[in-house]
Amino acid sequence: MDPKSVAVDAAKNINYRLHAEQLNIPIVKGFQLQKDENPQTIIFAAGQGITEQLVSDGYIEDGKFNERIELVIANTKEFMKTYNCEKIEDSFIYFKDYSNGIFEYKLYFQDMIIPLESGKAVLRSLNAYFVEPKMHDFYQLSVTMGPFNLPTEFLKVGQIDLENDKITKTLDTIMIGLLDNLKYR
């Protein structure tokens, strides 16, 4: 990689963090911040078998929000194929639009089914995608539970059942609490 490309990439990564500093990003009570080497990761926190992660890939042009979400989902599915995950095409489920009066979010559940020698591990995430209107940066806030070594029917993979699925309900409750409290400093 030539020095100019390295410098451009470094500047972009610094901008992600500088732009994110204008946000008051809540951390789930009891979670501990973790070190994450991915330059796009703004926050990575974990506790009680759950992780919270905020990532940004920077500036997005007006009118490109849905396209960027589709790109992120497509890239994630390619990553999942690399690791032989199952039911990849059904792994993302649009959940709802949500607003906290400042930011407009699109929420998607994601199931990652990872085959293991001893069965399957399942991760369930709730992802909130949004654009910060001042700097026009694209963000993804994720709350993830697992991995679980459970039958995929137990989690109702590919379905959203807030009444009977405690994992899905917990993710929704945590996410709405985070989104309601994500504000400018």
Protein backbone atom coordinates (compact mmCIF):
# COMPACT_ATOMS: atom_id res chain seq x y z
CA MET A 1 0.00 0.00 0.00
CA ASP A 2 1.44 3.37 -0.93
CA PRO A 3 2.06 6.01 1.77
CA LYS A 4 -0.65 8.33 0.40
CA SER A 5 -3.33 5.60 0.76
CA VAL A 6 -2.15 4.86 4.29
CA ALA A 7 -2.41 8.55 5.19
CA VAL A 8 -5.90 8.86 3.66
CA ASP A 9 -7.10 5.77 5.55
CA ALA A 10 -5.60 7.08 8.81
CA ALA A 11 -7.31 10.46 8.34
CA LYS A 12 -10.67 8.76 7.69
CA ASN A 13 -10.30 6.68 10.86
CA ILE A 14 -9.47 9.74 12.92
CA ASN A 15 -12.55 11.51 11.49
CA TYR A 16 -14.83 8.62 12.55
CA ARG A 17 -13.72 9.07 16.12
CA LEU A 18 -13.72 12.88 16.06
CA HIS A 19 -17.22 13.00 14.61
CA ALA A 20 -18.45 10.43 17.14
CA GLU A 21 -17.12 12.59 20.00
CA GLN A 22 -20.03 14.98 19.40
CA LEU A 23 -22.38 12.16 20.44
CA ASN A 24 -23.27 11.12 23.96
CA ILE A 25 -23.31 7.37 23.41
CA PRO A 26 -24.85 5.45 26.29
CA ILE A 27 -23.28 2.23 27.55
CA VAL A 28 -25.51 -0.48 29.03
CA LYS A 29 -25.31 -0.32 32.83
CA GLY A 30 -22.80 -2.84 34.12
CA PHE A 31 -21.03 -3.25 30.78
CA GLN A 32 -17.28 -2.77 30.58
CA LEU A 33 -15.57 -1.06 27.65
CA GLN A 34 -13.39 -3.48 25.68
CA LYS A 35 -10.42 -2.84 23.44
CA ASP A 36 -11.21 -3.30 19.75
CA GLU A 37 -8.54 -2.87 17.09
CA ASN A 38 -11.02 -2.25 14.24
CA PRO A 39 -10.57 1.43 13.32
CA GLN A 40 -14.28 1.72 12.48
CA THR A 41 -15.32 0.67 15.99
CA ILE A 42 -16.26 3.64 18.16
CA ILE A 43 -17.45 1.68 21.20
CA PHE A 44 -17.29 -1.98 22.12
CA ALA A 45 -18.67 -2.94 25.53
CA ALA A 46 -19.64 -6.26 27.05
CA GLY A 47 -21.37 -7.69 30.08
CA GLN A 48 -23.77 -10.44 31.11
CA GLY A 49 -23.32 -12.39 27.84
CA ILE A 50 -24.30 -9.35 25.77
CA THR A 51 -22.20 -6.99 23.66
CA GLU A 52 -22.84 -3.43 22.55
CA GLN A 53 -20.96 -2.07 19.57
CA LEU A 54 -21.07 1.21 17.66
CA VAL A 55 -19.28 1.34 14.33
CA SER A 56 -19.07 3.94 11.57
CA ASP A 57 -17.80 3.82 8.04
CA GLY A 58 -18.00 7.57 7.71
CA TYR A 59 -19.67 10.02 5.42
CA ILE A 60 -22.80 9.11 3.48
CA GLU A 61 -24.38 11.17 0.71
CA ASP A 62 -27.96 12.37 1.05
CA GLY A 63 -30.47 9.82 -0.21
CA LYS A 64 -28.03 6.90 0.09
CA PHE A 65 -29.12 5.60 3.51
CA ASN A 66 -31.05 2.53 2.35
CA GLU A 67 -28.34 1.70 -0.18
CA ARG A 68 -25.71 1.83 2.57
CA ILE A 69 -27.78 -0.48 4.78
CA GLU A 70 -28.12 -2.91 1.87
CA LEU A 71 -24.34 -2.75 1.31
CA VAL A 72 -23.60 -3.42 4.99
CA ILE A 73 -26.00 -6.37 5.01
CA ALA A 74 -24.52 -7.75 1.76
CA ASN A 75 -20.98 -7.43 3.14
CA THR A 76 -22.02 -9.12 6.39
CA LYS A 77 -23.59 -11.99 4.45
CA GLU A 78 -20.33 -12.41 2.50
CA PHE A 79 -18.44 -12.53 5.81
CA MET A 80 -20.91 -15.15 7.07
CA LYS A 81 -20.37 -17.25 3.91
CA THR A 82 -16.63 -17.22 4.58
CA TYR A 83 -17.32 -18.84 7.96
CA ASN A 84 -19.87 -21.34 6.59
CA CYS A 85 -22.77 -19.86 8.55
CA GLU A 86 -26.20 -21.31 7.88
CA LYS A 87 -29.43 -19.74 6.61
CA ILE A 88 -27.52 -16.68 5.44
CA GLU A 89 -30.14 -15.38 3.03
CA ASP A 90 -32.71 -15.30 5.86
CA SER A 91 -30.31 -13.94 8.47
CA PHE A 92 -31.50 -10.29 8.43
CA ILE A 93 -35.07 -9.33 9.28
CA TYR A 94 -36.31 -5.75 9.04
CA PHE A 95 -37.92 -4.94 12.40
CA LYS A 96 -39.06 -1.32 12.47
CA ASP A 97 -38.28 2.35 12.05
CA TYR A 98 -37.68 4.22 15.27
CA SER A 99 -36.97 7.83 16.26
CA ASN A 100 -35.75 9.40 19.47
CA GLY A 101 -36.61 12.90 18.22
CA ILE A 102 -33.01 13.52 17.14
CA PHE A 103 -32.05 10.49 15.06
CA GLU A 104 -34.07 8.31 12.71
CA TYR A 105 -33.19 4.62 12.97
CA LYS A 106 -33.88 1.50 10.93
CA LEU A 107 -33.75 -1.64 13.06
CA TYR A 108 -32.94 -5.13 11.82
CA PHE A 109 -32.60 -8.39 13.69
CA GLN A 110 -29.73 -10.60 12.58
CA ASP A 111 -29.21 -14.29 13.28
CA MET A 112 -25.79 -15.82 12.79
CA ILE A 113 -25.84 -19.62 12.88
CA ILE A 114 -22.32 -21.00 13.11
CA PRO A 115 -21.80 -24.75 12.61
CA LEU A 116 -19.53 -26.37 15.20
CA GLU A 117 -18.29 -29.91 15.64
CA SER A 118 -20.59 -30.24 18.65
CA GLY A 119 -23.68 -28.64 17.10
CA LYS A 120 -24.49 -25.05 16.26
CA ALA A 121 -23.81 -21.73 17.92
CA VAL A 122 -26.34 -18.96 17.40
CA LEU A 123 -25.81 -15.24 17.83
CA ARG A 124 -28.80 -12.91 17.72
CA SER A 125 -28.22 -9.20 17.18
CA LEU A 126 -30.43 -6.17 16.94
CA ASN A 127 -28.82 -3.58 14.66
CA ALA A 128 -29.86 0.07 14.50
CA TYR A 129 -28.65 1.96 11.43
CA PHE A 130 -28.73 5.75 11.38
CA VAL A 131 -27.19 8.85 9.86
CA GLU A 132 -25.92 11.61 12.09
CA PRO A 133 -27.39 14.73 10.42
CA LYS A 134 -24.61 17.26 11.15
CA MET A 135 -21.61 15.40 9.72
CA HIS A 136 -23.65 12.95 7.61
CA ASP A 137 -21.83 9.92 9.03
CA PHE A 138 -23.41 6.47 8.83
CA TYR A 139 -23.54 4.46 12.07
CA GLN A 140 -24.52 0.98 13.13
CA LEU A 141 -25.32 0.34 16.78
CA SER A 142 -25.58 -3.37 17.59
CA VAL A 143 -26.62 -5.29 20.66
CA THR A 144 -25.78 -9.00 20.49
CA MET A 145 -26.57 -11.99 22.71
CA GLY A 146 -24.84 -15.34 22.49
CA PRO A 147 -23.36 -17.50 21.27
CA PHE A 148 -25.92 -20.02 22.36
CA ASN A 149 -25.57 -23.77 21.85
CA LEU A 150 -29.29 -24.17 21.43
CA PRO A 151 -31.53 -25.61 18.77
CA THR A 152 -32.29 -22.89 16.25
CA GLU A 153 -36.01 -23.47 16.85
CA PHE A 154 -35.56 -22.28 20.42
CA LEU A 155 -34.53 -18.83 19.21
CA LYS A 156 -37.09 -18.92 16.42
CA VAL A 157 -34.35 -18.06 13.94
CA GLY A 158 -35.70 -15.88 11.15
CA GLN A 159 -38.67 -14.73 13.23
CA ILE A 160 -39.42 -11.84 15.56
CA ASP A 161 -41.50 -12.87 18.57
CA LEU A 162 -41.40 -10.24 21.30
CA GLU A 163 -44.07 -11.97 23.37
CA ASN A 164 -42.58 -15.45 23.72
CA ASP A 165 -38.89 -15.08 22.89
CA LYS A 166 -37.05 -13.64 25.90
CA ILE A 167 -33.81 -13.13 23.98
CA THR A 168 -35.52 -11.06 21.29
CA LYS A 169 -37.48 -9.08 23.89
CA THR A 170 -34.30 -8.41 25.91
CA LEU A 171 -32.45 -7.15 22.83
CA ASP A 172 -35.37 -4.88 21.94
CA THR A 173 -35.59 -3.48 25.48
CA ILE A 174 -31.85 -2.80 25.68
CA MET A 175 -31.72 -1.26 22.20
CA ILE A 176 -34.66 1.09 22.77
CA GLY A 177 -33.03 2.24 26.03
CA LEU A 178 -29.80 2.99 24.15
CA LEU A 179 -31.51 4.72 21.24
CA ASP A 180 -33.69 6.87 23.51
CA ASN A 181 -30.54 8.11 25.26
CA LEU A 182 -28.26 8.60 22.27
CA LYS A 183 -27.96 12.38 21.95
CA TYR A 184 -25.55 15.17 21.18
CA ARG A 185 -23.17 16.27 23.93
